[in-house]
Amino acid sequence: MVHASRRIARFYAPRHMNPTASITVVTDGACSGNGTADARGGWAAIVIAPGGDEVVLTGAEAPSTNNRMELTAAIEGLAAAPAGSAISLVTDSSYVAKAISDRWLDGWQRRGWRTADKKPVANRELWERLLVEMARHASVTPTLVRGHAGHELNERADRLAQDAAASGNATAPPPESPRAGDQMGFDIS
């Protein structure tokens, strides 16, 4: 289920496109008032096919955090790309890039979604959605770019994310749902 509005519908590959074609997904998240109860977040993903065709996706959430928006941008960009693609995920979020490239995700899962400090992983529901989207593709290779440093597509994604955050079309983040093994109801033992 998508919890943000989309500016443009999903990208569908032309029939002649090789399903393992290299797709570039450029993402960014923004959050005004990050960490406060009235924080307004926005995200953007630019999905670019090998021939240069592109789809732009945006959305907003309030309240939110910058990390939630960075993750949501990556999730929605991957979801829009054709299954089986080799994805180059361009992001200015070291949080997202390192979780993939430095295998933080693997460690968190091994430790039952706990950090090395034994604290619960923040945004677990989004990380789980990211893993589902990553599994749909032949590969996902993150490229970390420096934000606000002149990378043309990152700058464009940043402007789109900021515009989404300011749009007034924000949805509330979904309530965290119970996971397998979580207890629901009362313990009567």
N, C-alpha and C. Protein backbone atom coordinates (compact mmCIF):
# COMPACT_ATOMS: atom_id res chain seq x y z
N MET A 1 0.84 -1.17 0.00
CA MET A 1 0.00 0.00 0.00
C MET A 1 0.89 1.24 0.00
N VAL A 2 0.59 2.19 -0.83
CA VAL A 2 1.36 3.42 -0.92
C VAL A 2 0.74 4.44 0.00
N HIS A 3 1.57 5.10 0.79
CA HIS A 3 1.09 6.06 1.76
C HIS A 3 1.45 7.48 1.38
N ALA A 4 1.60 7.72 0.10
CA ALA A 4 1.91 9.07 -0.36
C ALA A 4 1.31 9.26 -1.74
N SER A 5 1.01 10.47 -2.07
CA SER A 5 0.46 10.75 -3.39
C SER A 5 1.58 10.66 -4.42
N ARG A 6 1.22 10.31 -5.63
CA ARG A 6 2.18 10.22 -6.71
C ARG A 6 1.87 11.30 -7.72
N ARG A 7 2.89 11.96 -8.20
CA ARG A 7 2.70 12.98 -9.22
C ARG A 7 2.45 12.32 -10.58
N ILE A 8 3.15 11.23 -10.88
CA ILE A 8 3.00 10.51 -12.14
C ILE A 8 2.89 9.03 -11.81
N ALA A 9 2.10 8.31 -12.59
CA ALA A 9 1.86 6.89 -12.33
C ALA A 9 3.13 6.06 -12.51
N ARG A 10 3.03 4.80 -12.16
CA ARG A 10 4.16 3.87 -12.25
C ARG A 10 4.74 3.82 -13.66
N PHE A 11 6.02 3.50 -13.71
CA PHE A 11 6.75 3.36 -14.96
C PHE A 11 6.62 1.93 -15.44
N TYR A 12 6.22 1.74 -16.67
CA TYR A 12 6.16 0.41 -17.25
C TYR A 12 7.11 0.36 -18.43
N ALA A 13 7.96 -0.63 -18.43
CA ALA A 13 8.98 -0.74 -19.47
C ALA A 13 8.33 -1.06 -20.82
N PRO A 14 8.85 -0.48 -21.89
CA PRO A 14 8.37 -0.87 -23.21
C PRO A 14 8.65 -2.35 -23.44
N ARG A 15 7.83 -2.99 -24.25
CA ARG A 15 7.97 -4.44 -24.48
C ARG A 15 9.35 -4.82 -24.99
N HIS A 16 9.98 -3.93 -25.75
CA HIS A 16 11.28 -4.25 -26.33
C HIS A 16 12.44 -4.08 -25.34
N MET A 17 12.17 -3.54 -24.16
CA MET A 17 13.25 -3.30 -23.20
C MET A 17 13.70 -4.61 -22.56
N ASN A 18 14.99 -4.80 -22.50
CA ASN A 18 15.57 -5.95 -21.83
C ASN A 18 15.23 -5.87 -20.35
N PRO A 19 14.61 -6.94 -19.77
CA PRO A 19 14.22 -6.86 -18.36
C PRO A 19 15.39 -6.67 -17.41
N THR A 20 16.61 -6.97 -17.85
CA THR A 20 17.76 -6.73 -16.98
C THR A 20 18.48 -5.44 -17.36
N ALA A 21 17.79 -4.58 -18.09
CA ALA A 21 18.37 -3.31 -18.48
C ALA A 21 18.74 -2.50 -17.24
N SER A 22 19.71 -1.63 -17.43
CA SER A 22 20.14 -0.77 -16.33
C SER A 22 19.20 0.42 -16.21
N ILE A 23 18.59 0.54 -15.05
CA ILE A 23 17.67 1.64 -14.76
C ILE A 23 18.33 2.50 -13.69
N THR A 24 18.29 3.80 -13.87
CA THR A 24 18.81 4.72 -12.86
C THR A 24 17.64 5.28 -12.07
N VAL A 25 17.75 5.20 -10.75
CA VAL A 25 16.73 5.74 -9.86
C VAL A 25 17.41 6.78 -8.98
N VAL A 26 17.04 8.04 -9.15
CA VAL A 26 17.62 9.13 -8.38
C VAL A 26 16.58 9.55 -7.34
N THR A 27 16.99 9.55 -6.07
CA THR A 27 16.02 9.80 -5.00
C THR A 27 16.50 10.90 -4.06
N ASP A 28 15.52 11.51 -3.39
CA ASP A 28 15.84 12.43 -2.31
C ASP A 28 14.63 12.58 -1.41
N GLY A 29 14.91 12.90 -0.17
CA GLY A 29 13.88 13.17 0.82
C GLY A 29 14.16 14.52 1.45
N ALA A 30 13.12 15.16 1.93
CA ALA A 30 13.25 16.46 2.60
C ALA A 30 12.28 16.49 3.77
N CYS A 31 12.62 17.25 4.78
CA CYS A 31 11.71 17.37 5.92
C CYS A 31 11.88 18.73 6.57
N SER A 32 10.80 19.49 6.59
CA SER A 32 10.78 20.78 7.25
C SER A 32 10.37 20.56 8.70
N GLY A 33 11.18 21.02 9.63
CA GLY A 33 10.88 20.81 11.05
C GLY A 33 11.23 19.40 11.50
N ASN A 34 12.23 18.80 10.87
CA ASN A 34 12.63 17.42 11.18
C ASN A 34 12.73 17.19 12.69
N GLY A 35 12.10 16.12 13.15
CA GLY A 35 12.18 15.76 14.56
C GLY A 35 11.14 16.42 15.44
N THR A 36 10.25 17.23 14.86
CA THR A 36 9.21 17.88 15.66
C THR A 36 7.85 17.26 15.32
N ALA A 37 6.87 17.51 16.17
CA ALA A 37 5.54 16.94 15.96
C ALA A 37 4.85 17.48 14.71
N ASP A 38 5.25 18.68 14.25
CA ASP A 38 4.61 19.23 13.05
C ASP A 38 5.52 19.17 11.82
N ALA A 39 6.49 18.25 11.83
CA ALA A 39 7.40 18.10 10.70
C ALA A 39 6.65 17.68 9.45
N ARG A 40 6.99 18.31 8.33
CA ARG A 40 6.37 17.98 7.04
C ARG A 40 7.45 17.42 6.13
N GLY A 41 7.25 16.18 5.70
CA GLY A 41 8.24 15.52 4.85
C GLY A 41 7.77 15.39 3.42
N GLY A 42 8.74 15.37 2.51
CA GLY A 42 8.45 15.13 1.10
C GLY A 42 9.53 14.24 0.51
N TRP A 43 9.18 13.51 -0.52
CA TRP A 43 10.15 12.64 -1.18
C TRP A 43 9.97 12.74 -2.69
N ALA A 44 11.03 12.37 -3.41
CA ALA A 44 10.98 12.35 -4.88
C ALA A 44 11.86 11.23 -5.39
N ALA A 45 11.40 10.62 -6.47
CA ALA A 45 12.20 9.60 -7.17
C ALA A 45 12.08 9.88 -8.67
N ILE A 46 13.22 9.92 -9.32
CA ILE A 46 13.27 10.08 -10.78
C ILE A 46 13.78 8.75 -11.33
N VAL A 47 12.94 8.07 -12.09
CA VAL A 47 13.26 6.75 -12.63
C VAL A 47 13.59 6.95 -14.11
N ILE A 48 14.82 6.57 -14.51
CA ILE A 48 15.30 6.84 -15.86
C ILE A 48 15.63 5.54 -16.57
N ALA A 49 14.96 5.30 -17.70
CA ALA A 49 15.19 4.11 -18.53
C ALA A 49 16.46 4.30 -19.36
N PRO A 50 17.00 3.21 -19.90
CA PRO A 50 18.24 3.33 -20.69
C PRO A 50 18.14 4.31 -21.85
N GLY A 51 16.99 4.45 -22.49
CA GLY A 51 16.84 5.38 -23.60
C GLY A 51 16.62 6.81 -23.17
N GLY A 52 16.56 7.07 -21.86
CA GLY A 52 16.38 8.43 -21.37
C GLY A 52 14.96 8.76 -20.95
N ASP A 53 13.99 7.88 -21.28
CA ASP A 53 12.62 8.14 -20.81
C ASP A 53 12.64 8.14 -19.29
N GLU A 54 11.83 9.00 -18.69
CA GLU A 54 11.83 9.07 -17.23
C GLU A 54 10.42 9.22 -16.69
N VAL A 55 10.30 8.84 -15.45
CA VAL A 55 9.07 9.01 -14.69
C VAL A 55 9.47 9.69 -13.39
N VAL A 56 8.69 10.68 -12.98
CA VAL A 56 8.94 11.39 -11.73
C VAL A 56 7.83 11.05 -10.75
N LEU A 57 8.21 10.63 -9.55
CA LEU A 57 7.26 10.30 -8.49
C LEU A 57 7.54 11.20 -7.30
N THR A 58 6.50 11.70 -6.66
CA THR A 58 6.68 12.51 -5.46
C THR A 58 5.57 12.17 -4.47
N GLY A 59 5.81 12.50 -3.22
CA GLY A 59 4.80 12.32 -2.20
C GLY A 59 5.19 13.05 -0.94
N ALA A 60 4.28 13.07 0.01
CA ALA A 60 4.51 13.81 1.25
C ALA A 60 3.88 13.07 2.43
N GLU A 61 4.41 13.34 3.61
CA GLU A 61 3.93 12.71 4.84
C GLU A 61 4.11 13.70 5.98
N ALA A 62 3.14 13.75 6.87
CA ALA A 62 3.25 14.60 8.05
C ALA A 62 2.49 13.94 9.20
N PRO A 63 3.09 13.87 10.36
CA PRO A 63 4.48 14.22 10.65
C PRO A 63 5.42 13.18 10.06
N SER A 64 6.67 13.57 9.90
CA SER A 64 7.65 12.66 9.32
C SER A 64 9.05 13.04 9.78
N THR A 65 10.03 12.34 9.22
CA THR A 65 11.44 12.66 9.45
C THR A 65 12.17 12.61 8.11
N ASN A 66 13.34 13.19 8.06
CA ASN A 66 14.12 13.15 6.83
C ASN A 66 14.48 11.71 6.46
N ASN A 67 14.87 10.90 7.45
CA ASN A 67 15.22 9.51 7.15
C ASN A 67 14.04 8.74 6.57
N ARG A 68 12.84 8.96 7.10
CA ARG A 68 11.65 8.29 6.54
C ARG A 68 11.46 8.69 5.08
N MET A 69 11.67 9.96 4.77
CA MET A 69 11.46 10.43 3.41
C MET A 69 12.53 9.90 2.46
N GLU A 70 13.78 9.83 2.92
CA GLU A 70 14.85 9.24 2.09
C GLU A 70 14.53 7.79 1.76
N LEU A 71 14.09 7.05 2.76
CA LEU A 71 13.73 5.64 2.56
C LEU A 71 12.52 5.49 1.65
N THR A 72 11.51 6.31 1.86
CA THR A 72 10.30 6.22 1.03
C THR A 72 10.62 6.52 -0.42
N ALA A 73 11.48 7.49 -0.67
CA ALA A 73 11.88 7.81 -2.04
C ALA A 73 12.53 6.59 -2.71
N ALA A 74 13.43 5.93 -1.99
CA ALA A 74 14.09 4.74 -2.55
C ALA A 74 13.07 3.62 -2.80
N ILE A 75 12.19 3.39 -1.85
CA ILE A 75 11.17 2.34 -1.99
C ILE A 75 10.30 2.60 -3.21
N GLU A 76 9.77 3.82 -3.33
CA GLU A 76 8.87 4.13 -4.43
C GLU A 76 9.58 4.12 -5.78
N GLY A 77 10.84 4.57 -5.81
CA GLY A 77 11.59 4.50 -7.06
C GLY A 77 11.83 3.07 -7.50
N LEU A 78 12.21 2.21 -6.56
CA LEU A 78 12.41 0.80 -6.90
C LEU A 78 11.10 0.14 -7.30
N ALA A 79 10.01 0.49 -6.64
CA ALA A 79 8.71 -0.09 -6.96
C ALA A 79 8.27 0.28 -8.38
N ALA A 80 8.67 1.46 -8.84
CA ALA A 80 8.26 1.92 -10.17
C ALA A 80 9.09 1.31 -11.28
N ALA A 81 10.26 0.80 -10.98
CA ALA A 81 11.14 0.23 -12.00
C ALA A 81 10.68 -1.18 -12.36
N PRO A 82 10.88 -1.58 -13.63
CA PRO A 82 10.47 -2.91 -14.04
C PRO A 82 11.21 -4.00 -13.26
N ALA A 83 10.49 -5.03 -12.88
CA ALA A 83 11.10 -6.15 -12.15
C ALA A 83 12.23 -6.75 -12.99
N GLY A 84 13.27 -7.20 -12.31
CA GLY A 84 14.40 -7.83 -12.98
C GLY A 84 15.45 -6.87 -13.46
N SER A 85 15.27 -5.60 -13.22
CA SER A 85 16.23 -4.59 -13.69
C SER A 85 17.48 -4.56 -12.84
N ALA A 86 18.56 -4.10 -13.44
CA ALA A 86 19.77 -3.76 -12.70
C ALA A 86 19.64 -2.28 -12.36
N ILE A 87 19.53 -1.98 -11.08
CA ILE A 87 19.23 -0.62 -10.64
C ILE A 87 20.49 0.07 -10.13
N SER A 88 20.70 1.29 -10.63
CA SER A 88 21.69 2.18 -10.04
C SER A 88 20.89 3.17 -9.21
N LEU A 89 20.99 3.05 -7.88
CA LEU A 89 20.23 3.89 -6.95
C LEU A 89 21.10 5.06 -6.52
N VAL A 90 20.80 6.25 -7.03
CA VAL A 90 21.58 7.44 -6.75
C VAL A 90 20.90 8.20 -5.61
N THR A 91 21.63 8.41 -4.51
CA THR A 91 21.06 9.04 -3.33
C THR A 91 22.11 9.89 -2.63
N ASP A 92 21.65 10.90 -1.92
CA ASP A 92 22.56 11.67 -1.08
C ASP A 92 22.43 11.25 0.38
N SER A 93 21.72 10.16 0.62
CA SER A 93 21.50 9.65 1.97
C SER A 93 22.50 8.55 2.30
N SER A 94 23.45 8.86 3.17
CA SER A 94 24.37 7.81 3.59
C SER A 94 23.62 6.74 4.38
N TYR A 95 22.54 7.11 5.04
CA TYR A 95 21.67 6.18 5.77
C TYR A 95 21.18 5.07 4.84
N VAL A 96 20.67 5.43 3.67
CA VAL A 96 20.17 4.44 2.71
C VAL A 96 21.33 3.73 2.03
N ALA A 97 22.30 4.49 1.51
CA ALA A 97 23.39 3.88 0.75
C ALA A 97 24.20 2.89 1.58
N LYS A 98 24.56 3.28 2.80
CA LYS A 98 25.38 2.40 3.63
C LYS A 98 24.60 1.19 4.15
N ALA A 99 23.31 1.36 4.38
CA ALA A 99 22.51 0.22 4.82
C ALA A 99 22.54 -0.89 3.78
N ILE A 100 22.63 -0.49 2.50
CA ILE A 100 22.70 -1.48 1.42
C ILE A 100 24.14 -1.92 1.17
N SER A 101 25.03 -0.97 0.90
CA SER A 101 26.40 -1.32 0.50
C SER A 101 27.24 -1.88 1.64
N ASP A 102 27.06 -1.37 2.84
CA ASP A 102 27.85 -1.86 3.98
C ASP A 102 27.14 -2.99 4.73
N ARG A 103 26.04 -3.46 4.17
CA ARG A 103 25.30 -4.62 4.65
C ARG A 103 24.74 -4.45 6.07
N TRP A 104 24.39 -3.21 6.42
CA TRP A 104 23.73 -2.99 7.71
C TRP A 104 22.44 -3.78 7.77
N LEU A 105 21.71 -3.83 6.65
CA LEU A 105 20.44 -4.55 6.62
C LEU A 105 20.61 -6.01 7.02
N ASP A 106 21.66 -6.63 6.52
CA ASP A 106 21.92 -8.04 6.86
C ASP A 106 22.13 -8.20 8.36
N GLY A 107 22.94 -7.32 8.95
CA GLY A 107 23.22 -7.39 10.38
C GLY A 107 21.97 -7.14 11.21
N TRP A 108 21.16 -6.16 10.80
CA TRP A 108 19.93 -5.88 11.55
C TRP A 108 19.01 -7.08 11.55
N GLN A 109 18.88 -7.72 10.40
CA GLN A 109 18.01 -8.90 10.32
C GLN A 109 18.56 -10.04 11.17
N ARG A 110 19.86 -10.27 11.09
CA ARG A 110 20.48 -11.34 11.89
C ARG A 110 20.25 -11.13 13.38
N ARG A 111 20.25 -9.86 13.80
CA ARG A 111 20.08 -9.54 15.22
C ARG A 111 18.61 -9.31 15.59
N GLY A 112 17.69 -9.75 14.75
CA GLY A 112 16.27 -9.58 15.05
C GLY A 112 15.84 -8.12 14.99
N TRP A 113 16.34 -7.39 14.00
CA TRP A 113 16.03 -5.98 13.81
C TRP A 113 16.46 -5.13 15.00
N ARG A 114 17.66 -5.44 15.45
CA ARG A 114 18.32 -4.66 16.50
C ARG A 114 19.62 -4.11 15.94
N THR A 115 20.00 -2.92 16.42
CA THR A 115 21.28 -2.33 16.01
C THR A 115 22.40 -3.04 16.76
N ALA A 116 23.63 -2.68 16.44
CA ALA A 116 24.77 -3.25 17.16
C ALA A 116 24.71 -2.90 18.64
N ASP A 117 24.05 -1.79 18.97
CA ASP A 117 23.87 -1.37 20.37
C ASP A 117 22.65 -2.02 21.02
N LYS A 118 22.05 -2.99 20.31
CA LYS A 118 20.88 -3.75 20.80
C LYS A 118 19.61 -2.91 20.92
N LYS A 119 19.56 -1.79 20.21
CA LYS A 119 18.34 -0.95 20.18
C LYS A 119 17.52 -1.33 18.96
N PRO A 120 16.19 -1.17 19.03
CA PRO A 120 15.37 -1.46 17.85
C PRO A 120 15.75 -0.57 16.68
N VAL A 121 15.76 -1.14 15.49
CA VAL A 121 16.07 -0.39 14.28
C VAL A 121 14.92 0.58 14.00
N ALA A 122 15.25 1.84 13.83
CA ALA A 122 14.25 2.85 13.49
C ALA A 122 13.72 2.60 12.08
N ASN A 123 12.47 2.86 11.87
CA ASN A 123 11.84 2.74 10.55
C ASN A 123 11.86 1.32 10.00
N ARG A 124 11.76 0.34 10.88
CA ARG A 124 11.83 -1.06 10.46
C ARG A 124 10.85 -1.37 9.34
N GLU A 125 9.61 -0.86 9.43
CA GLU A 125 8.61 -1.19 8.42
C GLU A 125 9.03 -0.70 7.04
N LEU A 126 9.75 0.42 6.99
CA LEU A 126 10.24 0.92 5.71
C LEU A 126 11.41 0.10 5.20
N TRP A 127 12.30 -0.29 6.11
CA TRP A 127 13.42 -1.14 5.69
C TRP A 127 12.91 -2.47 5.14
N GLU A 128 11.86 -3.02 5.76
CA GLU A 128 11.30 -4.27 5.27
C GLU A 128 10.69 -4.09 3.88
N ARG A 129 10.03 -2.96 3.66
CA ARG A 129 9.49 -2.66 2.32
C ARG A 129 10.61 -2.49 1.31
N LEU A 130 11.71 -1.85 1.72
CA LEU A 130 12.85 -1.68 0.83
C LEU A 130 13.41 -3.04 0.42
N LEU A 131 13.53 -3.95 1.37
CA LEU A 131 14.04 -5.30 1.05
C LEU A 131 13.14 -6.01 0.04
N VAL A 132 11.83 -5.87 0.18
CA VAL A 132 10.90 -6.49 -0.77
C VAL A 132 11.13 -5.91 -2.16
N GLU A 133 11.27 -4.60 -2.26
CA GLU A 133 11.49 -3.97 -3.57
C GLU A 133 12.86 -4.34 -4.14
N MET A 134 13.88 -4.41 -3.31
CA MET A 134 15.21 -4.80 -3.79
C MET A 134 15.19 -6.22 -4.35
N ALA A 135 14.44 -7.11 -3.73
CA ALA A 135 14.38 -8.51 -4.15
C ALA A 135 13.74 -8.67 -5.53
N ARG A 136 12.99 -7.69 -5.98
CA ARG A 136 12.34 -7.76 -7.30
C ARG A 136 13.34 -7.53 -8.45
N HIS A 137 14.52 -7.05 -8.12
CA HIS A 137 15.46 -6.63 -9.16
C HIS A 137 16.68 -7.54 -9.23
N ALA A 138 17.31 -7.55 -10.42
CA ALA A 138 18.53 -8.34 -10.62
C ALA A 138 19.62 -7.84 -9.68
N SER A 139 19.71 -6.54 -9.52
CA SER A 139 20.69 -5.96 -8.60
C SER A 139 20.26 -4.53 -8.27
N VAL A 140 20.70 -4.08 -7.10
CA VAL A 140 20.51 -2.69 -6.69
C VAL A 140 21.86 -2.21 -6.16
N THR A 141 22.45 -1.27 -6.87
CA THR A 141 23.76 -0.75 -6.51
C THR A 141 23.62 0.72 -6.12
N PRO A 142 23.83 1.02 -4.83
CA PRO A 142 23.72 2.42 -4.42
C PRO A 142 24.94 3.24 -4.83
N THR A 143 24.68 4.47 -5.23
CA THR A 143 25.73 5.44 -5.50
C THR A 143 25.45 6.63 -4.61
N LEU A 144 26.36 6.90 -3.69
CA LEU A 144 26.20 8.01 -2.76
C LEU A 144 26.80 9.27 -3.38
N VAL A 145 25.97 10.30 -3.52
CA VAL A 145 26.44 11.58 -4.03
C VAL A 145 26.32 12.60 -2.91
N ARG A 146 27.12 13.63 -2.99
CA ARG A 146 27.06 14.68 -1.99
C ARG A 146 25.88 15.59 -2.30
N GLY A 147 25.01 15.78 -1.33
CA GLY A 147 23.84 16.64 -1.51
C GLY A 147 24.24 18.10 -1.65
N HIS A 148 23.47 18.84 -2.43
CA HIS A 148 23.66 20.28 -2.62
C HIS A 148 25.06 20.61 -3.13
N ALA A 149 25.59 19.70 -3.98
CA ALA A 149 26.94 19.90 -4.49
C ALA A 149 26.97 19.96 -6.01
N GLY A 150 25.83 20.24 -6.63
CA GLY A 150 25.83 20.43 -8.07
C GLY A 150 25.51 19.20 -8.90
N HIS A 151 25.22 18.06 -8.30
CA HIS A 151 24.80 16.88 -9.08
C HIS A 151 23.41 17.21 -9.63
N GLU A 152 23.31 17.39 -10.94
CA GLU A 152 22.09 17.92 -11.56
C GLU A 152 20.83 17.15 -11.18
N LEU A 153 20.86 15.83 -11.29
CA LEU A 153 19.65 15.05 -10.99
C LEU A 153 19.34 15.04 -9.49
N ASN A 154 20.37 15.02 -8.65
CA ASN A 154 20.13 15.07 -7.21
C ASN A 154 19.53 16.42 -6.82
N GLU A 155 20.02 17.48 -7.43
CA GLU A 155 19.46 18.81 -7.16
C GLU A 155 17.99 18.88 -7.59
N ARG A 156 17.69 18.26 -8.72
CA ARG A 156 16.30 18.24 -9.20
C ARG A 156 15.43 17.44 -8.23
N ALA A 157 15.89 16.26 -7.81
CA ALA A 157 15.13 15.45 -6.86
C ALA A 157 14.93 16.21 -5.55
N ASP A 158 15.93 16.94 -5.12
CA ASP A 158 15.83 17.73 -3.89
C ASP A 158 14.73 18.79 -4.02
N ARG A 159 14.71 19.50 -5.14
CA ARG A 159 13.66 20.52 -5.34
C ARG A 159 12.27 19.88 -5.36
N LEU A 160 12.15 18.74 -6.02
CA LEU A 160 10.86 18.04 -6.08
C LEU A 160 10.41 17.59 -4.69
N ALA A 161 11.35 17.06 -3.88
CA ALA A 161 11.02 16.62 -2.53
C ALA A 161 10.61 17.79 -1.65
N GLN A 162 11.33 18.91 -1.77
CA GLN A 162 10.96 20.10 -0.99
C GLN A 162 9.59 20.63 -1.40
N ASP A 163 9.32 20.63 -2.70
CA ASP A 163 8.00 21.07 -3.18
C ASP A 163 6.90 20.15 -2.65
N ALA A 164 7.17 18.85 -2.63
CA ALA A 164 6.17 17.89 -2.12
C ALA A 164 5.90 18.13 -0.64
N ALA A 165 6.96 18.39 0.13
CA ALA A 165 6.80 18.64 1.56
C ALA A 165 5.96 19.89 1.81
N ALA A 166 6.12 20.88 0.96
CA ALA A 166 5.40 22.15 1.14
C ALA A 166 4.00 22.14 0.53
N SER A 167 3.65 21.06 -0.17
CA SER A 167 2.43 21.04 -0.97
C SER A 167 1.13 21.05 -0.18
N GLY A 168 1.12 20.58 1.02
CA GLY A 168 -0.13 20.47 1.75
C GLY A 168 -0.89 19.19 1.44
N ASN A 169 -0.31 18.30 0.65
CA ASN A 169 -0.93 17.02 0.30
C ASN A 169 -0.39 15.87 1.13
N ALA A 170 0.13 16.16 2.29
CA ALA A 170 0.76 15.13 3.11
C ALA A 170 -0.26 14.18 3.71
N THR A 171 0.12 12.91 3.79
CA THR A 171 -0.69 11.91 4.47
C THR A 171 -0.02 11.59 5.80
N ALA A 172 -0.77 11.02 6.71
CA ALA A 172 -0.19 10.59 7.98
C ALA A 172 0.59 9.30 7.74
N PRO A 173 1.69 9.11 8.47
CA PRO A 173 2.41 7.84 8.32
C PRO A 173 1.50 6.71 8.80
N PRO A 174 1.66 5.53 8.19
CA PRO A 174 0.81 4.42 8.59
C PRO A 174 1.16 3.98 10.01
N PRO A 175 0.17 3.49 10.76
CA PRO A 175 0.50 2.94 12.08
C PRO A 175 1.34 1.70 11.88
N GLU A 176 2.25 1.48 12.79
CA GLU A 176 3.08 0.30 12.67
C GLU A 176 2.21 -0.93 12.88
N SER A 177 2.29 -1.87 11.96
CA SER A 177 1.45 -3.06 12.05
C SER A 177 2.18 -4.17 12.80
N PRO A 178 1.42 -5.08 13.43
CA PRO A 178 2.05 -6.19 14.15
C PRO A 178 2.79 -7.09 13.18
N ARG A 179 3.87 -7.68 13.63
CA ARG A 179 4.65 -8.62 12.82
C ARG A 179 4.40 -10.04 13.31
N ALA A 180 4.76 -10.99 12.45
CA ALA A 180 4.63 -12.39 12.84
C ALA A 180 5.35 -12.60 14.16
N GLY A 181 4.71 -13.24 15.08
CA GLY A 181 5.31 -13.51 16.37
C GLY A 181 5.00 -12.45 17.40
N ASP A 182 4.53 -11.27 16.96
CA ASP A 182 4.15 -10.24 17.92
C ASP A 182 2.84 -10.64 18.59
N GLN A 183 2.72 -10.35 19.85
CA GLN A 183 1.52 -10.69 20.59
C GLN A 183 0.47 -9.62 20.34
N MET A 184 -0.74 -10.09 20.12
CA MET A 184 -1.87 -9.17 19.97
C MET A 184 -2.85 -9.48 21.09
N GLY A 185 -3.38 -8.46 21.72
CA GLY A 185 -4.36 -8.69 22.76
C GLY A 185 -3.70 -8.80 24.12
N PHE A 186 -4.36 -9.52 25.01
CA PHE A 186 -3.91 -9.62 26.40
C PHE A 186 -3.18 -10.93 26.65
N ASP A 187 -2.21 -10.88 27.52
CA ASP A 187 -1.54 -12.09 27.96
C ASP A 187 -2.30 -12.62 29.17
N ILE A 188 -2.96 -13.75 29.01
CA ILE A 188 -3.76 -14.30 30.11
C ILE A 188 -3.12 -15.49 30.77
N SER A 189 -1.85 -15.70 30.48
CA SER A 189 -1.18 -16.85 31.11
C SER A 189 -0.71 -16.55 32.50
